[in-house]
């Protein structure tokens, strides 16, 4: 079973998401919270696999809650919820370690799929709109272009794979690009994340843009 914790300051949204997810045979909702502070205090004991985190909340917003929850290695992954396609907080949440984002008005099927995708260890960053979001925000708010020393640890092939990850390509698509098996690509991705000390593909994409390895608008 995939254990989910829902955080949103609107009771109707919390209850609706919990009902939709709880009706799935492979998902159980282990708790809900109405603000970030309550989430930070409740989530560790609930031990969810996935946290759905609203960004804009009173008392403590979802960005700060995400930072606190993911400051240390944690067994759960965070998907931020927003009502805006281009929300600057989303990018900050991805930098803090969130595994992706979902619009609140997305169909129920997308919500369910998001939970399953993130629980499986993938990042919710494949859609083109998400790639544009990151590229636009990096372009509008350029970070220092100094490349992390860890990038020098990557092999030439790993750098190529990282560039394609940053373009939002799946393991299958990357395998097709290089005529490799998906398992080989998966191994490359695992080594990239390990060498760069990143949580998942979401952070890899952010790093690729911020370091200048991939330029905004490329791909």
N, C-alpha and C. Protein backbone atom coordinates (compact mmCIF):
# COMPACT_ATOMS: atom_id res chain seq x y z
N UNK A 1 0.83 -1.21 0.00
CA UNK A 1 0.00 0.00 0.00
C UNK A 1 0.87 1.25 0.00
N UNK A 2 0.45 2.24 -0.77
CA UNK A 2 1.13 3.54 -0.77
C UNK A 2 0.47 4.42 0.28
N UNK A 3 1.25 4.88 1.24
CA UNK A 3 0.71 5.70 2.32
C UNK A 3 0.87 7.19 1.96
N UNK A 4 -0.25 7.93 2.04
CA UNK A 4 -0.26 9.34 1.63
C UNK A 4 -0.71 10.23 2.78
N UNK A 5 -0.09 11.40 2.87
CA UNK A 5 -0.48 12.43 3.85
C UNK A 5 -0.84 13.68 3.05
N UNK A 6 -2.02 14.26 3.32
CA UNK A 6 -2.51 15.41 2.56
C UNK A 6 -2.46 16.67 3.41
N UNK A 7 -1.80 17.72 2.89
CA UNK A 7 -1.68 18.99 3.61
C UNK A 7 -2.29 20.11 2.78
N UNK A 8 -3.35 20.74 3.29
CA UNK A 8 -3.99 21.86 2.60
C UNK A 8 -4.82 22.63 3.61
N UNK A 9 -4.82 23.96 3.51
CA UNK A 9 -5.56 24.75 4.50
C UNK A 9 -7.06 24.78 4.22
N UNK A 10 -7.49 24.29 3.07
CA UNK A 10 -8.92 24.25 2.76
C UNK A 10 -9.45 22.84 3.06
N UNK A 11 -10.36 22.77 4.03
CA UNK A 11 -10.88 21.47 4.46
C UNK A 11 -11.51 20.70 3.31
N UNK A 12 -12.21 21.41 2.43
CA UNK A 12 -12.89 20.73 1.32
C UNK A 12 -11.87 20.06 0.39
N UNK A 13 -10.76 20.75 0.15
CA UNK A 13 -9.72 20.19 -0.71
C UNK A 13 -9.09 18.97 -0.05
N UNK A 14 -8.76 19.10 1.24
CA UNK A 14 -8.17 17.97 1.96
C UNK A 14 -9.07 16.75 1.91
N UNK A 15 -10.33 16.97 2.24
CA UNK A 15 -11.28 15.85 2.30
C UNK A 15 -11.52 15.24 0.93
N UNK A 16 -11.56 16.09 -0.10
CA UNK A 16 -11.79 15.60 -1.45
C UNK A 16 -10.61 14.74 -1.92
N UNK A 17 -9.39 15.25 -1.72
CA UNK A 17 -8.21 14.50 -2.13
C UNK A 17 -8.11 13.19 -1.35
N UNK A 18 -8.38 13.26 -0.05
CA UNK A 18 -8.29 12.07 0.79
C UNK A 18 -9.31 11.02 0.34
N UNK A 19 -10.51 11.47 -0.01
CA UNK A 19 -11.55 10.54 -0.44
C UNK A 19 -11.18 9.86 -1.76
N UNK A 20 -10.68 10.66 -2.72
CA UNK A 20 -10.31 10.12 -4.03
C UNK A 20 -9.19 9.10 -3.88
N UNK A 21 -8.18 9.46 -3.11
CA UNK A 21 -7.03 8.57 -2.96
C UNK A 21 -7.37 7.34 -2.11
N UNK A 22 -8.14 7.55 -1.05
CA UNK A 22 -8.50 6.44 -0.17
C UNK A 22 -9.35 5.39 -0.84
N UNK A 23 -9.99 5.75 -1.95
CA UNK A 23 -10.85 4.81 -2.67
C UNK A 23 -10.04 3.87 -3.57
N UNK A 24 -8.75 4.15 -3.72
CA UNK A 24 -7.91 3.30 -4.57
C UNK A 24 -7.44 2.07 -3.80
N UNK A 25 -7.39 0.93 -4.45
CA UNK A 25 -7.02 -0.32 -3.76
C UNK A 25 -5.58 -0.36 -3.27
N UNK A 26 -4.71 0.47 -3.87
CA UNK A 26 -3.29 0.43 -3.52
C UNK A 26 -2.82 1.67 -2.76
N UNK A 27 -3.77 2.51 -2.31
CA UNK A 27 -3.42 3.76 -1.62
C UNK A 27 -4.21 3.89 -0.33
N UNK A 28 -3.55 4.32 0.72
CA UNK A 28 -4.24 4.61 1.97
C UNK A 28 -3.79 5.98 2.48
N UNK A 29 -4.72 6.77 2.99
CA UNK A 29 -4.40 8.09 3.53
C UNK A 29 -4.14 7.95 5.02
N UNK A 30 -2.92 8.28 5.43
CA UNK A 30 -2.53 8.07 6.83
C UNK A 30 -2.64 9.33 7.68
N UNK A 31 -3.08 10.43 7.07
CA UNK A 31 -3.26 11.64 7.85
C UNK A 31 -3.46 12.87 6.98
N UNK A 32 -3.97 13.94 7.61
CA UNK A 32 -4.13 15.22 6.93
C UNK A 32 -3.73 16.34 7.88
N UNK A 33 -3.42 17.51 7.32
CA UNK A 33 -3.08 18.67 8.14
C UNK A 33 -3.54 19.94 7.43
N UNK A 34 -3.85 20.98 8.23
CA UNK A 34 -4.37 22.22 7.67
C UNK A 34 -3.34 23.31 7.47
N UNK A 35 -2.10 23.09 7.91
CA UNK A 35 -1.04 24.07 7.65
C UNK A 35 0.32 23.38 7.79
N UNK A 36 1.36 24.10 7.41
CA UNK A 36 2.69 23.51 7.42
C UNK A 36 3.19 23.10 8.79
N UNK A 37 2.89 23.91 9.80
CA UNK A 37 3.37 23.60 11.15
C UNK A 37 2.78 22.28 11.63
N UNK A 38 1.48 22.11 11.42
CA UNK A 38 0.82 20.86 11.82
C UNK A 38 1.41 19.69 11.03
N UNK A 39 1.71 19.92 9.75
CA UNK A 39 2.27 18.87 8.92
C UNK A 39 3.64 18.43 9.43
N UNK A 40 4.49 19.41 9.73
CA UNK A 40 5.84 19.10 10.19
C UNK A 40 5.83 18.29 11.48
N UNK A 41 4.87 18.59 12.36
CA UNK A 41 4.80 17.88 13.63
C UNK A 41 4.13 16.51 13.51
N UNK A 42 3.27 16.34 12.51
CA UNK A 42 2.48 15.10 12.40
C UNK A 42 3.06 14.07 11.44
N UNK A 43 3.72 14.52 10.38
CA UNK A 43 4.14 13.61 9.32
C UNK A 43 5.16 12.55 9.77
N UNK A 44 6.18 12.88 10.56
CA UNK A 44 7.14 11.85 10.93
C UNK A 44 6.50 10.63 11.58
N UNK A 45 5.54 10.85 12.46
CA UNK A 45 4.88 9.72 13.13
C UNK A 45 3.98 8.95 12.18
N UNK A 46 3.38 9.65 11.22
CA UNK A 46 2.48 8.99 10.26
C UNK A 46 3.26 8.16 9.25
N UNK A 47 4.53 8.52 9.04
CA UNK A 47 5.42 7.78 8.13
C UNK A 47 4.80 7.52 6.75
N UNK A 48 4.37 8.57 6.05
CA UNK A 48 3.81 8.36 4.71
C UNK A 48 4.90 8.10 3.67
N UNK A 49 4.49 7.57 2.54
CA UNK A 49 5.41 7.41 1.41
C UNK A 49 5.42 8.70 0.59
N UNK A 50 4.24 9.32 0.48
CA UNK A 50 4.07 10.53 -0.33
C UNK A 50 3.32 11.59 0.47
N UNK A 51 3.79 12.83 0.38
CA UNK A 51 3.11 13.96 1.02
C UNK A 51 2.62 14.90 -0.08
N UNK A 52 1.32 15.20 -0.08
CA UNK A 52 0.77 16.21 -0.98
C UNK A 52 0.75 17.50 -0.19
N UNK A 53 1.52 18.49 -0.62
CA UNK A 53 1.75 19.70 0.16
C UNK A 53 1.28 20.95 -0.56
N UNK A 54 0.26 21.60 -0.02
CA UNK A 54 -0.18 22.88 -0.56
C UNK A 54 0.94 23.91 -0.35
N UNK A 55 1.15 24.78 -1.31
CA UNK A 55 2.22 25.78 -1.19
C UNK A 55 1.79 26.97 -0.34
N UNK A 56 0.62 27.51 -0.62
CA UNK A 56 0.18 28.75 0.04
C UNK A 56 -0.77 28.44 1.19
N UNK A 57 -0.23 28.55 2.42
CA UNK A 57 -1.02 28.28 3.63
C UNK A 57 -0.64 29.26 4.73
N UNK A 58 -1.55 29.51 5.67
CA UNK A 58 -1.22 30.36 6.81
C UNK A 58 -0.34 29.62 7.83
N UNK A 59 0.14 30.35 8.83
CA UNK A 59 0.97 29.81 9.92
C UNK A 59 2.35 29.40 9.43
N UNK A 60 2.41 28.39 8.58
CA UNK A 60 3.67 28.00 7.91
C UNK A 60 3.31 27.52 6.52
N UNK A 61 3.88 28.15 5.49
CA UNK A 61 3.52 27.76 4.13
C UNK A 61 4.18 26.43 3.75
N UNK A 62 3.75 25.91 2.61
CA UNK A 62 4.23 24.60 2.18
C UNK A 62 5.70 24.58 1.83
N UNK A 63 6.23 25.73 1.41
CA UNK A 63 7.65 25.80 1.08
C UNK A 63 8.52 25.57 2.31
N UNK A 64 8.21 26.28 3.39
CA UNK A 64 8.99 26.12 4.62
C UNK A 64 8.79 24.72 5.20
N UNK A 65 7.57 24.22 5.13
CA UNK A 65 7.31 22.87 5.63
C UNK A 65 8.11 21.83 4.84
N UNK A 66 8.18 22.01 3.53
CA UNK A 66 8.95 21.09 2.69
C UNK A 66 10.42 21.15 3.05
N UNK A 67 10.93 22.36 3.23
CA UNK A 67 12.35 22.51 3.62
C UNK A 67 12.64 21.77 4.92
N UNK A 68 11.76 21.92 5.89
CA UNK A 68 11.99 21.29 7.20
C UNK A 68 11.88 19.77 7.12
N UNK A 69 10.89 19.30 6.38
CA UNK A 69 10.67 17.86 6.27
C UNK A 69 11.81 17.16 5.54
N UNK A 70 12.38 17.86 4.55
CA UNK A 70 13.40 17.24 3.71
C UNK A 70 14.81 17.73 4.02
N UNK A 71 14.96 18.45 5.13
CA UNK A 71 16.29 18.94 5.51
C UNK A 71 17.25 17.78 5.73
N UNK A 72 16.74 16.69 6.27
CA UNK A 72 17.52 15.48 6.47
C UNK A 72 16.93 14.38 5.59
N UNK A 73 17.72 13.37 5.28
CA UNK A 73 17.18 12.26 4.48
C UNK A 73 15.87 11.74 5.09
N UNK A 74 14.84 11.69 4.29
CA UNK A 74 13.53 11.25 4.78
C UNK A 74 13.00 10.14 3.89
N UNK A 75 12.19 9.24 4.42
CA UNK A 75 11.66 8.13 3.63
C UNK A 75 10.48 8.53 2.75
N UNK A 76 10.02 9.78 2.88
CA UNK A 76 8.85 10.19 2.09
C UNK A 76 9.24 11.22 1.03
N UNK A 77 8.36 11.32 0.04
CA UNK A 77 8.56 12.26 -1.05
C UNK A 77 7.41 13.28 -1.06
N UNK A 78 7.73 14.50 -1.46
CA UNK A 78 6.75 15.58 -1.42
C UNK A 78 6.35 16.01 -2.83
N UNK A 79 5.04 16.12 -3.04
CA UNK A 79 4.49 16.71 -4.27
C UNK A 79 3.78 17.99 -3.86
N UNK A 80 4.20 19.12 -4.41
CA UNK A 80 3.58 20.38 -4.03
C UNK A 80 2.33 20.63 -4.85
N UNK A 81 1.34 21.21 -4.20
CA UNK A 81 0.06 21.52 -4.84
C UNK A 81 -0.04 23.02 -5.04
N UNK A 82 -0.45 23.45 -6.22
CA UNK A 82 -0.57 24.88 -6.49
C UNK A 82 -1.75 25.14 -7.43
N UNK A 83 -2.26 26.35 -7.38
CA UNK A 83 -3.35 26.74 -8.29
C UNK A 83 -2.80 27.51 -9.49
N UNK A 84 -1.48 27.73 -9.50
CA UNK A 84 -0.88 28.55 -10.56
C UNK A 84 0.12 27.74 -11.37
N UNK A 85 0.07 27.88 -12.70
CA UNK A 85 1.04 27.20 -13.56
C UNK A 85 2.44 27.73 -13.32
N UNK A 86 2.55 29.05 -13.19
CA UNK A 86 3.87 29.66 -13.00
C UNK A 86 3.93 30.26 -11.61
N UNK A 87 4.24 29.46 -10.65
CA UNK A 87 4.30 29.87 -9.25
C UNK A 87 5.75 29.80 -8.80
N UNK A 88 6.34 30.95 -8.44
CA UNK A 88 7.75 30.97 -8.08
C UNK A 88 8.07 30.05 -6.91
N UNK A 89 7.07 29.82 -6.06
CA UNK A 89 7.29 28.95 -4.91
C UNK A 89 7.52 27.50 -5.33
N UNK A 90 6.96 27.12 -6.47
CA UNK A 90 7.13 25.75 -6.94
C UNK A 90 8.60 25.47 -7.19
N UNK A 91 9.28 26.40 -7.86
CA UNK A 91 10.70 26.21 -8.15
C UNK A 91 11.50 26.10 -6.85
N UNK A 92 11.18 26.96 -5.88
CA UNK A 92 11.88 26.91 -4.60
C UNK A 92 11.63 25.58 -3.90
N UNK A 93 10.41 25.06 -4.04
CA UNK A 93 10.09 23.77 -3.42
C UNK A 93 10.88 22.64 -4.07
N UNK A 94 11.06 22.70 -5.39
CA UNK A 94 11.85 21.69 -6.08
C UNK A 94 13.30 21.77 -5.62
N UNK A 95 13.80 22.96 -5.43
CA UNK A 95 15.17 23.12 -4.93
C UNK A 95 15.30 22.55 -3.51
N UNK A 96 14.21 22.65 -2.76
CA UNK A 96 14.23 22.15 -1.38
C UNK A 96 14.12 20.63 -1.32
N UNK A 97 13.83 20.01 -2.47
CA UNK A 97 13.77 18.55 -2.49
C UNK A 97 12.45 17.94 -2.89
N UNK A 98 11.44 18.78 -3.20
CA UNK A 98 10.15 18.22 -3.63
C UNK A 98 10.34 17.43 -4.91
N UNK A 99 9.53 16.40 -5.09
CA UNK A 99 9.67 15.51 -6.24
C UNK A 99 8.84 15.93 -7.44
N UNK A 100 8.13 17.05 -7.32
CA UNK A 100 7.33 17.52 -8.44
C UNK A 100 6.18 18.37 -7.97
N UNK A 101 5.32 18.76 -8.90
CA UNK A 101 4.18 19.58 -8.51
C UNK A 101 2.94 19.16 -9.30
N UNK A 102 1.80 19.52 -8.74
CA UNK A 102 0.52 19.16 -9.35
C UNK A 102 -0.43 20.33 -9.17
N UNK A 103 -1.15 20.66 -10.24
CA UNK A 103 -2.15 21.72 -10.14
C UNK A 103 -3.37 21.19 -9.39
N UNK A 104 -3.93 22.04 -8.52
CA UNK A 104 -5.06 21.60 -7.70
C UNK A 104 -6.29 21.23 -8.53
N UNK A 105 -6.41 21.83 -9.71
CA UNK A 105 -7.59 21.55 -10.52
C UNK A 105 -7.35 20.41 -11.52
N UNK A 106 -6.28 19.67 -11.31
CA UNK A 106 -6.01 18.53 -12.19
C UNK A 106 -7.08 17.46 -11.99
N UNK A 107 -7.38 16.69 -13.02
CA UNK A 107 -8.37 15.60 -12.89
C UNK A 107 -7.94 14.60 -11.83
N UNK A 108 -8.92 13.91 -11.26
CA UNK A 108 -8.63 12.92 -10.23
C UNK A 108 -7.64 11.87 -10.71
N UNK A 109 -7.76 11.49 -11.99
CA UNK A 109 -6.85 10.48 -12.53
C UNK A 109 -5.40 10.95 -12.47
N UNK A 110 -5.18 12.26 -12.68
CA UNK A 110 -3.83 12.81 -12.61
C UNK A 110 -3.30 12.79 -11.17
N UNK A 111 -4.20 13.07 -10.22
CA UNK A 111 -3.82 13.04 -8.81
C UNK A 111 -3.37 11.64 -8.41
N UNK A 112 -4.16 10.66 -8.78
CA UNK A 112 -3.85 9.26 -8.45
C UNK A 112 -2.54 8.84 -9.12
N UNK A 113 -2.39 9.21 -10.38
CA UNK A 113 -1.18 8.85 -11.11
C UNK A 113 0.05 9.52 -10.48
N UNK A 114 -0.11 10.77 -10.05
CA UNK A 114 1.00 11.50 -9.44
C UNK A 114 1.51 10.77 -8.20
N UNK A 115 0.60 10.32 -7.39
CA UNK A 115 0.98 9.60 -6.17
C UNK A 115 1.72 8.31 -6.51
N UNK A 116 1.23 7.58 -7.48
CA UNK A 116 1.86 6.32 -7.86
C UNK A 116 3.24 6.55 -8.49
N UNK A 117 3.35 7.57 -9.34
CA UNK A 117 4.62 7.86 -10.00
C UNK A 117 5.69 8.24 -8.98
N UNK A 118 5.34 9.13 -8.07
CA UNK A 118 6.31 9.60 -7.08
C UNK A 118 6.65 8.49 -6.08
N UNK A 119 5.65 7.71 -5.70
CA UNK A 119 5.91 6.60 -4.77
C UNK A 119 6.87 5.58 -5.38
N UNK A 120 6.85 5.47 -6.70
CA UNK A 120 7.73 4.52 -7.39
C UNK A 120 9.16 5.05 -7.51
N UNK A 121 9.37 6.31 -7.08
CA UNK A 121 10.71 6.87 -7.11
C UNK A 121 10.99 7.78 -8.28
N UNK A 122 9.98 8.05 -9.10
CA UNK A 122 10.16 8.94 -10.23
C UNK A 122 9.77 10.36 -9.85
N UNK A 123 10.24 11.31 -10.65
CA UNK A 123 9.88 12.71 -10.42
C UNK A 123 8.72 13.10 -11.32
N UNK A 124 7.86 13.95 -10.83
CA UNK A 124 6.70 14.39 -11.59
C UNK A 124 7.08 15.60 -12.44
N UNK A 125 7.99 15.38 -13.40
CA UNK A 125 8.52 16.49 -14.18
C UNK A 125 8.55 16.22 -15.67
N UNK A 126 7.89 15.18 -16.11
CA UNK A 126 7.95 14.86 -17.53
C UNK A 126 7.16 15.83 -18.41
N UNK A 127 5.97 16.31 -17.99
CA UNK A 127 5.19 17.16 -18.89
C UNK A 127 5.96 18.40 -19.32
N UNK A 128 5.76 18.79 -20.59
CA UNK A 128 6.46 19.94 -21.15
C UNK A 128 6.20 21.21 -20.34
N UNK A 129 5.00 21.35 -19.78
CA UNK A 129 4.68 22.56 -19.02
C UNK A 129 5.60 22.69 -17.81
N UNK A 130 5.99 21.57 -17.22
CA UNK A 130 6.87 21.63 -16.06
C UNK A 130 8.27 22.03 -16.47
N UNK A 131 8.74 21.51 -17.60
CA UNK A 131 10.06 21.89 -18.08
C UNK A 131 10.10 23.39 -18.39
N UNK A 132 9.02 23.90 -18.97
CA UNK A 132 8.97 25.33 -19.27
C UNK A 132 8.97 26.13 -17.98
N UNK A 133 8.25 25.65 -16.98
CA UNK A 133 8.19 26.33 -15.69
C UNK A 133 9.60 26.52 -15.13
N UNK A 134 10.37 25.44 -15.07
CA UNK A 134 11.70 25.52 -14.51
C UNK A 134 12.59 26.42 -15.36
N UNK A 135 12.54 26.24 -16.68
CA UNK A 135 13.38 27.05 -17.56
C UNK A 135 13.05 28.53 -17.43
N UNK A 136 11.76 28.86 -17.39
CA UNK A 136 11.35 30.26 -17.28
C UNK A 136 11.80 30.87 -15.96
N UNK A 137 11.67 30.10 -14.88
CA UNK A 137 12.03 30.65 -13.58
C UNK A 137 13.54 30.81 -13.43
N UNK A 138 14.31 29.88 -13.99
CA UNK A 138 15.76 30.03 -13.95
C UNK A 138 16.19 31.24 -14.78
N UNK A 139 15.52 31.43 -15.91
CA UNK A 139 15.86 32.55 -16.79
C UNK A 139 15.53 33.87 -16.12
N UNK A 140 14.37 33.91 -15.42
CA UNK A 140 13.94 35.14 -14.76
C UNK A 140 14.74 35.43 -13.49
N UNK A 141 15.17 34.37 -12.82
CA UNK A 141 15.91 34.53 -11.56
C UNK A 141 17.19 33.69 -11.62
N UNK A 142 18.14 34.11 -12.47
CA UNK A 142 19.34 33.30 -12.66
C UNK A 142 20.14 33.13 -11.38
N UNK A 143 20.50 31.91 -11.09
CA UNK A 143 21.33 31.61 -9.92
C UNK A 143 22.79 31.70 -10.35
N UNK A 144 23.71 31.77 -9.41
CA UNK A 144 25.13 31.77 -9.76
C UNK A 144 25.45 30.55 -10.62
N UNK A 145 26.26 30.76 -11.64
CA UNK A 145 26.52 29.70 -12.61
C UNK A 145 27.70 28.81 -12.23
N UNK A 146 28.25 28.97 -11.05
CA UNK A 146 29.36 28.11 -10.63
C UNK A 146 28.88 26.66 -10.58
N UNK A 147 29.57 25.79 -11.28
CA UNK A 147 29.16 24.39 -11.33
C UNK A 147 29.65 23.64 -10.09
N UNK A 148 28.78 22.83 -9.51
CA UNK A 148 29.20 22.03 -8.34
C UNK A 148 30.40 21.16 -8.69
N UNK A 149 31.32 21.03 -7.76
CA UNK A 149 32.51 20.21 -8.00
C UNK A 149 32.13 18.78 -8.33
N UNK A 150 30.98 18.35 -7.80
CA UNK A 150 30.56 16.96 -8.03
C UNK A 150 30.34 16.65 -9.51
N UNK A 151 30.04 17.68 -10.31
CA UNK A 151 29.81 17.44 -11.74
C UNK A 151 31.04 16.84 -12.41
N UNK A 152 32.21 17.18 -11.89
CA UNK A 152 33.45 16.67 -12.48
C UNK A 152 33.59 15.17 -12.26
N UNK A 153 32.80 14.62 -11.33
CA UNK A 153 32.87 13.18 -11.06
C UNK A 153 32.09 12.36 -12.08
N UNK A 154 31.25 13.03 -12.86
CA UNK A 154 30.43 12.31 -13.83
C UNK A 154 31.25 11.93 -15.05
N UNK A 155 30.96 10.77 -15.59
CA UNK A 155 31.58 10.37 -16.85
C UNK A 155 30.93 11.15 -17.99
N UNK A 156 31.54 11.09 -19.16
CA UNK A 156 30.98 11.80 -20.31
C UNK A 156 29.57 11.31 -20.61
N UNK A 157 29.35 10.00 -20.53
CA UNK A 157 28.02 9.46 -20.79
C UNK A 157 27.02 9.92 -19.72
N UNK A 158 27.46 9.97 -18.47
CA UNK A 158 26.57 10.42 -17.40
C UNK A 158 26.17 11.87 -17.59
N UNK A 159 27.08 12.69 -18.07
CA UNK A 159 26.75 14.10 -18.37
C UNK A 159 25.71 14.16 -19.47
N UNK A 160 25.88 13.33 -20.50
CA UNK A 160 24.90 13.29 -21.59
C UNK A 160 23.53 12.86 -21.09
N UNK A 161 23.51 11.86 -20.21
CA UNK A 161 22.25 11.39 -19.64
C UNK A 161 21.61 12.48 -18.79
N UNK A 162 22.42 13.19 -18.01
CA UNK A 162 21.89 14.26 -17.18
C UNK A 162 21.24 15.35 -18.03
N UNK A 163 21.86 15.67 -19.15
CA UNK A 163 21.27 16.68 -20.05
C UNK A 163 19.89 16.24 -20.54
N UNK A 164 19.76 14.96 -20.85
CA UNK A 164 18.47 14.46 -21.34
C UNK A 164 17.45 14.37 -20.21
N UNK A 165 17.90 14.06 -19.00
CA UNK A 165 17.00 14.09 -17.84
C UNK A 165 16.44 15.49 -17.69
N UNK A 166 17.31 16.50 -17.85
CA UNK A 166 16.90 17.90 -17.69
C UNK A 166 15.91 18.33 -18.76
N UNK A 167 15.90 17.63 -19.88
CA UNK A 167 14.93 17.92 -20.93
C UNK A 167 13.60 17.20 -20.66
N UNK A 168 13.56 16.45 -19.56
CA UNK A 168 12.32 15.78 -19.19
C UNK A 168 12.13 14.42 -19.82
N UNK A 169 13.19 13.86 -20.38
CA UNK A 169 13.07 12.56 -21.04
C UNK A 169 13.03 11.42 -20.03
N UNK A 170 12.23 10.42 -20.32
CA UNK A 170 12.12 9.23 -19.47
C UNK A 170 13.29 8.30 -19.73
N UNK A 171 13.44 7.29 -18.88
CA UNK A 171 14.50 6.30 -19.08
C UNK A 171 14.36 5.62 -20.44
N UNK A 172 13.11 5.32 -20.82
CA UNK A 172 12.87 4.66 -22.11
C UNK A 172 13.29 5.55 -23.27
N UNK A 173 12.99 6.84 -23.16
CA UNK A 173 13.36 7.77 -24.23
C UNK A 173 14.88 7.95 -24.31
N UNK A 174 15.52 8.00 -23.14
CA UNK A 174 16.97 8.13 -23.12
C UNK A 174 17.61 6.87 -23.69
N UNK A 175 17.05 5.71 -23.36
CA UNK A 175 17.56 4.44 -23.89
C UNK A 175 17.48 4.44 -25.41
N UNK A 176 16.38 4.94 -25.96
CA UNK A 176 16.22 5.01 -27.40
C UNK A 176 17.21 5.98 -28.04
N UNK A 177 17.49 7.06 -27.35
CA UNK A 177 18.42 8.07 -27.86
C UNK A 177 19.83 7.50 -28.00
N UNK A 178 20.26 6.70 -27.04
CA UNK A 178 21.62 6.17 -27.03
C UNK A 178 21.71 4.70 -27.44
N UNK A 179 20.58 4.10 -27.80
CA UNK A 179 20.52 2.68 -28.15
C UNK A 179 21.10 1.84 -27.00
N UNK A 180 20.53 2.04 -25.82
CA UNK A 180 20.91 1.30 -24.63
C UNK A 180 19.68 0.61 -24.07
N UNK A 181 19.88 -0.31 -23.15
CA UNK A 181 18.74 -0.92 -22.46
C UNK A 181 18.25 0.05 -21.38
N UNK A 182 16.98 -0.07 -21.03
CA UNK A 182 16.45 0.79 -19.96
C UNK A 182 17.17 0.53 -18.65
N UNK A 183 17.55 -0.71 -18.41
CA UNK A 183 18.26 -1.03 -17.17
C UNK A 183 19.61 -0.31 -17.10
N UNK A 184 20.29 -0.22 -18.25
CA UNK A 184 21.56 0.50 -18.29
C UNK A 184 21.35 1.97 -17.99
N UNK A 185 20.30 2.55 -18.57
CA UNK A 185 20.00 3.95 -18.31
C UNK A 185 19.66 4.15 -16.84
N UNK A 186 18.88 3.23 -16.28
CA UNK A 186 18.52 3.31 -14.87
C UNK A 186 19.76 3.30 -13.99
N UNK A 187 20.74 2.47 -14.38
CA UNK A 187 22.00 2.42 -13.64
C UNK A 187 22.74 3.75 -13.73
N UNK A 188 22.76 4.34 -14.94
CA UNK A 188 23.40 5.65 -15.12
C UNK A 188 22.73 6.70 -14.23
N UNK A 189 21.40 6.69 -14.24
CA UNK A 189 20.65 7.68 -13.45
C UNK A 189 20.97 7.53 -11.97
N UNK A 190 20.99 6.28 -11.49
CA UNK A 190 21.31 6.04 -10.09
C UNK A 190 22.69 6.54 -9.72
N UNK A 191 23.66 6.33 -10.62
CA UNK A 191 25.02 6.80 -10.35
C UNK A 191 25.09 8.32 -10.36
N UNK A 192 24.35 8.94 -11.26
CA UNK A 192 24.32 10.42 -11.33
C UNK A 192 23.78 10.99 -10.02
N UNK A 193 22.66 10.45 -9.57
CA UNK A 193 22.05 10.94 -8.33
C UNK A 193 22.98 10.71 -7.14
N UNK A 194 23.64 9.56 -7.13
CA UNK A 194 24.56 9.25 -6.03
C UNK A 194 25.76 10.18 -6.02
N UNK A 195 26.38 10.38 -7.18
CA UNK A 195 27.56 11.23 -7.26
C UNK A 195 27.24 12.70 -6.93
N UNK A 196 26.06 13.15 -7.33
CA UNK A 196 25.68 14.54 -7.10
C UNK A 196 24.94 14.71 -5.77
N UNK A 197 24.72 13.60 -5.06
CA UNK A 197 24.04 13.62 -3.77
C UNK A 197 22.66 14.28 -3.88
N UNK A 198 21.89 13.81 -4.84
CA UNK A 198 20.56 14.35 -5.10
C UNK A 198 19.50 13.33 -4.73
N UNK A 199 18.34 13.84 -4.35
CA UNK A 199 17.24 12.97 -3.94
C UNK A 199 16.61 12.24 -5.11
N UNK A 200 16.37 12.97 -6.21
CA UNK A 200 15.71 12.35 -7.36
C UNK A 200 15.91 13.19 -8.60
N UNK A 201 15.19 12.82 -9.68
CA UNK A 201 15.35 13.48 -10.97
C UNK A 201 14.96 14.96 -10.89
N UNK A 202 14.02 15.30 -10.02
CA UNK A 202 13.61 16.70 -9.90
C UNK A 202 14.79 17.58 -9.53
N UNK A 203 15.55 17.17 -8.53
CA UNK A 203 16.71 17.94 -8.13
C UNK A 203 17.79 17.91 -9.20
N UNK A 204 17.89 16.82 -9.94
CA UNK A 204 18.87 16.73 -11.02
C UNK A 204 18.55 17.76 -12.10
N UNK A 205 17.27 17.94 -12.40
CA UNK A 205 16.86 18.91 -13.42
C UNK A 205 17.18 20.32 -12.96
N UNK A 206 16.87 20.63 -11.71
CA UNK A 206 17.16 21.96 -11.17
C UNK A 206 18.66 22.23 -11.24
N UNK A 207 19.47 21.27 -10.82
CA UNK A 207 20.93 21.46 -10.83
C UNK A 207 21.44 21.66 -12.26
N UNK A 208 20.90 20.91 -13.20
CA UNK A 208 21.35 21.02 -14.59
C UNK A 208 21.12 22.42 -15.14
N UNK A 209 19.97 23.02 -14.78
CA UNK A 209 19.69 24.39 -15.23
C UNK A 209 20.54 25.40 -14.47
N UNK A 210 20.59 25.27 -13.17
CA UNK A 210 21.30 26.26 -12.35
C UNK A 210 22.79 26.28 -12.64
N UNK A 211 23.36 25.14 -12.97
CA UNK A 211 24.80 25.05 -13.21
C UNK A 211 25.15 25.53 -14.62
N UNK A 212 24.12 25.70 -15.46
CA UNK A 212 24.37 26.10 -16.84
C UNK A 212 24.64 24.93 -17.75
N UNK A 213 24.56 23.70 -17.23
CA UNK A 213 24.77 22.51 -18.06
C UNK A 213 23.72 22.45 -19.16
N UNK A 214 22.51 22.88 -18.82
CA UNK A 214 21.42 23.02 -19.79
C UNK A 214 20.94 24.46 -19.72
N UNK A 215 20.76 25.07 -20.88
CA UNK A 215 20.32 26.46 -20.93
C UNK A 215 18.79 26.54 -21.00
N UNK A 216 18.18 27.54 -20.36
CA UNK A 216 16.73 27.71 -20.43
C UNK A 216 16.27 27.75 -21.88
N UNK A 217 15.23 26.94 -22.16
CA UNK A 217 14.69 26.91 -23.51
C UNK A 217 15.30 25.82 -24.36
N UNK A 218 16.40 25.20 -23.92
CA UNK A 218 16.99 24.12 -24.69
C UNK A 218 16.09 22.91 -24.70
N UNK A 219 16.11 22.16 -25.77
CA UNK A 219 15.38 20.90 -25.85
C UNK A 219 13.91 21.12 -26.01
